[in-house]
């Protein structure tokens, strides 16, 4: 029987940040800022985490666009490989 326990500490936020779990980082820093709104370092860390999340989302949207040229190249290489195999067969027959 396991329950997920949320730990709202700066250390936990840093651990999540190292792992790239930006939504969790944002959640923790918002919680910490609600308790200690005067902590500018928390506000800065929150802003950084929000920026990182935006960048991650932008990059994930670009990913399919970046795959199209790679697939084209891959298909071209498959055709070239097929032609090469056929030429090797012809060479063996002669």
Protein backbone atom coordinates (compact mmCIF):
# COMPACT_ATOMS: atom_id res chain seq x y z
CA UNK A 1 0.00 0.00 0.00
CA UNK A 2 1.86 3.07 -1.19
CA UNK A 3 0.80 6.67 -1.01
CA UNK A 4 2.54 9.47 -2.82
CA UNK A 5 3.73 12.02 -0.31
CA UNK A 6 4.49 15.50 -1.58
CA UNK A 7 7.51 17.07 0.07
CA UNK A 8 7.57 20.83 -0.33
CA UNK A 9 11.16 21.80 0.33
CA UNK A 10 13.72 23.72 -1.64
CA UNK A 11 15.88 20.59 -1.74
CA UNK A 12 13.05 18.55 -3.25
CA UNK A 13 12.46 21.28 -5.83
CA UNK A 14 16.14 21.09 -6.79
CA UNK A 15 15.94 17.30 -7.09
CA UNK A 16 12.91 17.59 -9.37
CA UNK A 17 14.67 20.33 -11.37
CA UNK A 18 17.69 18.07 -11.89
CA UNK A 19 15.29 15.43 -13.23
CA UNK A 20 13.45 17.91 -15.47
CA UNK A 21 10.10 17.64 -13.68
CA UNK A 22 9.28 21.32 -14.09
CA UNK A 23 5.59 21.12 -13.13
CA UNK A 24 6.53 19.65 -9.77
CA UNK A 25 9.23 22.29 -9.30
CA UNK A 26 6.71 25.04 -10.05
CA UNK A 27 4.20 23.51 -7.64
CA UNK A 28 6.77 23.36 -4.84
CA UNK A 29 8.03 26.92 -5.29
CA UNK A 30 4.47 28.27 -5.43
CA UNK A 31 3.77 26.46 -2.16
CA UNK A 32 6.97 27.80 -0.59
CA UNK A 33 6.21 31.34 -1.77
CA UNK A 34 2.74 31.15 -0.25
CA UNK A 35 4.40 30.44 3.08
CA UNK A 36 7.31 32.88 2.69
CA UNK A 37 6.37 35.51 0.08
CA UNK A 38 9.40 37.66 0.96
CA UNK A 39 11.84 35.03 -0.35
CA UNK A 40 13.11 36.48 -3.61
CA UNK A 41 15.24 33.42 -4.25
CA UNK A 42 12.06 31.33 -4.36
CA UNK A 43 10.47 33.81 -6.77
CA UNK A 44 13.55 33.67 -8.99
CA UNK A 45 13.59 29.88 -8.91
CA UNK A 46 9.88 29.81 -9.77
CA UNK A 47 10.42 32.12 -12.73
CA UNK A 48 13.33 29.98 -13.92
CA UNK A 49 11.24 26.80 -13.65
CA UNK A 50 8.36 28.41 -15.58
CA UNK A 51 10.79 29.47 -18.31
CA UNK A 52 12.28 25.98 -18.49
CA UNK A 53 8.79 24.48 -18.81
CA UNK A 54 7.94 26.88 -21.65
CA UNK A 55 11.17 25.98 -23.44
CA UNK A 56 10.46 22.27 -22.99
CA UNK A 57 6.95 22.71 -24.42
CA UNK A 58 8.27 24.71 -27.38
CA UNK A 59 10.89 22.07 -28.13
CA UNK A 60 8.35 19.25 -27.93
CA UNK A 61 6.16 21.05 -30.49
CA UNK A 62 9.13 21.41 -32.83
CA UNK A 63 10.10 17.75 -32.56
CA UNK A 64 7.72 16.43 -35.27
CA UNK A 65 8.89 19.15 -37.66
CA UNK A 66 12.49 18.12 -37.06
CA UNK A 67 11.68 14.47 -37.77
CA UNK A 68 10.42 15.00 -41.31
CA UNK A 69 13.86 15.68 -42.84
CA UNK A 70 15.33 12.78 -40.88
CA UNK A 71 12.68 10.39 -42.20
CA UNK A 72 13.27 11.62 -45.76
CA UNK A 73 16.98 11.00 -45.40
CA UNK A 74 16.33 7.58 -43.86
CA UNK A 75 14.04 6.57 -46.74
CA UNK A 76 16.58 7.77 -49.30
CA UNK A 77 19.26 5.73 -47.58
CA UNK A 78 17.01 2.66 -47.62
CA UNK A 79 16.57 3.01 -51.38
CA UNK A 80 20.30 3.49 -51.88
CA UNK A 81 21.00 0.45 -49.73
CA UNK A 82 18.52 -1.60 -51.73
CA UNK A 83 20.16 -0.52 -55.00
CA UNK A 84 23.57 -1.36 -53.59
CA UNK A 85 22.40 -4.84 -52.59
CA UNK A 86 21.00 -5.42 -56.09
CA UNK A 87 24.27 -4.30 -57.66
CA UNK A 88 26.21 -6.67 -55.41
CA UNK A 89 23.94 -9.54 -56.50
CA UNK A 90 24.50 -8.68 -60.16
CA UNK A 91 28.24 -8.57 -59.61
CA UNK A 92 28.18 -12.05 -58.04
CA UNK A 93 26.15 -13.46 -60.95
CA UNK A 94 28.69 -12.35 -63.56
